[in-house]
Amino acid sequence: MNKDRQDFYLQKMTPSGYQKITAEIAQLDADRPAKIKALQKARALGDLSENADYSAAKRDLRHLESRLQFLHKQLRYADVITPQDNGKVELGTYVTLRFDDGAEETFRIVGKQEVDVDAQLISFASPLGAALMEKKVGTTVTVEAPATTYQVTIIKITV
């Protein structure tokens, strides 16, 4: 496989996003023995066809294993990007914007799997994030969102 083809599969993320996934894996690994024990205990109760405890324990363990598999795959294809202090909006930078109505908000540009709108973490692939990428302070960009089009001005970029 050539390098360009491999890059297609990589998931861009910030170092903190990578650490968050690593921490979740560690927590799930720590929870795994208790889930296995609960399954063994429920299985010992007898008839498995009508054993709600067994079904619930089996479902919980299956969910944990599935989540672990998903998270390990994310790490395997992670492309951790450390932001540079180069005056441009890029993955991992904080950007303060002024909207048309004069309101100012600060967002952090992150990978797709790190998005948390309530925490002001927006994806570089979102309409707003994509419009901001590689732009500098003072630039006004037009954001074409599914429901509307609006403009924002970049007033500050920090790492």
Protein backbone atom coordinates (compact mmCIF):
# COMPACT_ATOMS: atom_id res chain seq x y z
CA MET A 1 0.00 0.00 0.00
CA ASN A 2 1.39 3.42 -0.88
CA LYS A 3 1.67 6.25 1.65
CA ASP A 4 -1.19 8.30 0.14
CA ARG A 5 -3.53 5.33 0.38
CA GLN A 6 -2.61 4.74 4.03
CA ASP A 7 -3.24 8.40 4.92
CA PHE A 8 -6.79 8.02 3.63
CA TYR A 9 -7.61 5.70 6.54
CA LEU A 10 -6.01 7.79 9.28
CA GLN A 11 -8.24 9.64 11.73
CA LYS A 12 -6.83 13.03 12.64
CA MET A 13 -7.03 13.88 16.32
CA THR A 14 -5.40 16.05 18.95
CA PRO A 15 -3.02 14.65 21.61
CA SER A 16 -5.73 15.20 24.24
CA GLY A 17 -8.20 13.22 22.11
CA TYR A 18 -5.72 10.36 21.91
CA GLN A 19 -5.21 10.46 25.69
CA LYS A 20 -8.97 10.47 26.27
CA ILE A 21 -9.33 7.28 24.22
CA THR A 22 -6.39 5.69 26.05
CA ALA A 23 -7.97 6.56 29.41
CA GLU A 24 -11.31 5.07 28.37
CA ILE A 25 -9.58 1.86 27.28
CA ALA A 26 -7.84 1.64 30.66
CA GLN A 27 -11.17 2.14 32.46
CA LEU A 28 -12.91 -0.52 30.36
CA ASP A 29 -10.01 -2.93 30.93
CA ALA A 30 -10.39 -2.31 34.67
CA ASP A 31 -14.18 -2.93 34.48
CA ARG A 32 -13.84 -6.11 32.41
CA PRO A 33 -13.10 -8.58 35.28
CA ALA A 34 -16.20 -7.44 37.19
CA LYS A 35 -18.36 -7.92 34.07
CA ILE A 36 -16.94 -11.40 33.54
CA LYS A 37 -17.57 -12.27 37.20
CA ALA A 38 -21.17 -11.01 36.95
CA LEU A 39 -21.69 -13.19 33.88
CA GLN A 40 -20.26 -16.26 35.66
CA LYS A 41 -22.43 -15.60 38.70
CA ALA A 42 -25.59 -15.24 36.59
CA ARG A 43 -24.74 -18.37 34.63
CA ALA A 44 -24.48 -20.34 37.87
CA LEU A 45 -28.12 -19.53 38.67
CA GLY A 46 -29.33 -22.23 36.29
CA ASP A 47 -31.73 -22.14 33.33
CA LEU A 48 -30.16 -19.72 30.86
CA SER A 49 -33.22 -19.46 28.61
CA GLU A 50 -35.22 -17.52 31.21
CA ASN A 51 -32.39 -15.97 33.19
CA ALA A 52 -32.67 -12.16 32.88
CA ASP A 53 -29.52 -11.63 34.95
CA TYR A 54 -27.55 -13.81 32.56
CA SER A 55 -28.92 -12.01 29.49
CA ALA A 56 -28.12 -8.61 31.00
CA ALA A 57 -24.62 -9.63 32.06
CA LYS A 58 -23.92 -11.15 28.65
CA ARG A 59 -25.18 -7.99 26.93
CA ASP A 60 -23.06 -5.75 29.20
CA LEU A 61 -19.90 -7.76 28.55
CA ARG A 62 -20.59 -7.82 24.80
CA HIS A 63 -21.05 -4.03 24.83
CA LEU A 64 -17.78 -3.56 26.74
CA GLU A 65 -15.88 -5.83 24.33
CA SER A 66 -17.38 -4.04 21.33
CA ARG A 67 -16.44 -0.63 22.72
CA LEU A 68 -12.88 -1.82 23.42
CA GLN A 69 -12.55 -3.10 19.87
CA PHE A 70 -13.83 0.22 18.48
CA LEU A 71 -11.45 2.29 20.64
CA HIS A 72 -8.42 0.13 19.80
CA LYS A 73 -9.22 0.57 16.12
CA GLN A 74 -9.39 4.35 16.59
CA LEU A 75 -5.92 4.32 18.15
CA ARG A 76 -4.55 2.05 15.41
CA TYR A 77 -5.65 4.55 12.76
CA ALA A 78 -4.94 7.70 14.77
CA ASP A 79 -2.95 10.50 13.20
CA VAL A 80 -2.11 12.66 16.21
CA ILE A 81 -1.62 16.27 15.15
CA THR A 82 0.17 18.65 17.49
CA PRO A 83 -0.84 22.23 16.67
CA GLN A 84 1.83 24.69 15.63
CA ASP A 85 1.89 28.33 16.68
CA ASN A 86 1.96 29.57 13.09
CA GLY A 87 -0.94 32.04 13.16
CA LYS A 88 -3.27 29.76 11.21
CA VAL A 89 -6.35 27.82 12.29
CA GLU A 90 -5.49 24.13 12.37
CA LEU A 91 -6.34 20.99 14.28
CA GLY A 92 -5.87 21.60 18.01
CA THR A 93 -5.93 25.39 17.93
CA TYR A 94 -8.37 27.60 19.81
CA VAL A 95 -10.07 30.20 17.66
CA THR A 96 -12.12 33.15 18.88
CA LEU A 97 -14.78 34.26 16.41
CA ARG A 98 -17.02 37.27 16.04
CA PHE A 99 -20.39 36.43 14.55
CA ASP A 100 -22.63 38.70 12.44
CA ASP A 101 -24.57 39.76 15.54
CA GLY A 102 -21.39 40.87 17.34
CA ALA A 103 -21.27 37.88 19.70
CA GLU A 104 -17.85 36.35 20.33
CA GLU A 105 -17.17 32.68 21.06
CA THR A 106 -14.05 30.58 21.36
CA PHE A 107 -13.89 27.08 19.89
CA ARG A 108 -11.23 24.41 19.72
CA ILE A 109 -10.77 22.67 16.39
CA VAL A 110 -10.58 18.90 16.98
CA GLY A 111 -10.86 15.56 15.21
CA LYS A 112 -14.23 14.09 14.29
CA GLN A 113 -14.29 11.66 17.22
CA GLU A 114 -13.54 14.41 19.78
CA VAL A 115 -16.51 16.66 19.03
CA ASP A 116 -18.41 18.05 22.01
CA VAL A 117 -20.44 21.11 21.07
CA ASP A 118 -21.32 21.85 24.70
CA ALA A 119 -17.58 22.08 25.47
CA GLN A 120 -16.96 24.24 22.37
CA LEU A 121 -15.05 21.43 20.60
CA ILE A 122 -15.85 21.43 16.89
CA SER A 123 -14.61 19.17 14.13
CA PHE A 124 -12.26 20.37 11.43
CA ALA A 125 -14.68 18.67 9.02
CA SER A 126 -17.82 20.49 10.23
CA PRO A 127 -19.09 23.38 8.10
CA LEU A 128 -17.65 25.94 10.56
CA GLY A 129 -14.40 24.04 11.12
CA ALA A 130 -13.81 23.47 7.40
CA ALA A 131 -14.41 27.16 6.63
CA LEU A 132 -11.85 28.18 9.28
CA MET A 133 -9.02 25.77 8.47
CA GLU A 134 -5.73 27.44 7.42
CA LYS A 135 -7.20 30.96 7.84
CA LYS A 136 -5.50 33.78 9.78
CA VAL A 137 -6.61 36.42 12.29
CA GLY A 138 -8.68 39.15 10.67
CA THR A 139 -10.10 36.87 7.99
CA THR A 140 -13.86 36.83 7.49
CA VAL A 141 -15.17 33.49 6.22
CA THR A 142 -18.54 32.43 4.92
CA VAL A 143 -19.88 29.28 6.55
CA GLU A 144 -22.28 27.24 4.47
CA ALA A 145 -24.22 25.15 6.98
CA PRO A 146 -27.08 22.87 5.91
CA ALA A 147 -29.80 25.24 7.13
CA THR A 148 -28.16 28.64 6.60
CA THR A 149 -25.18 30.62 5.44
CA TYR A 150 -23.44 33.08 7.75
CA GLN A 151 -20.16 34.90 8.20
CA VAL A 152 -17.66 34.90 11.06
CA THR A 153 -14.48 36.88 11.59
CA ILE A 154 -11.43 35.34 13.22
CA ILE A 155 -10.26 37.64 16.00
CA LYS A 156 -7.80 35.40 17.86
CA ILE A 157 -5.94 32.10 17.37
CA THR A 158 -4.06 30.35 20.18
CA VAL A 159 -2.43 26.97 20.66
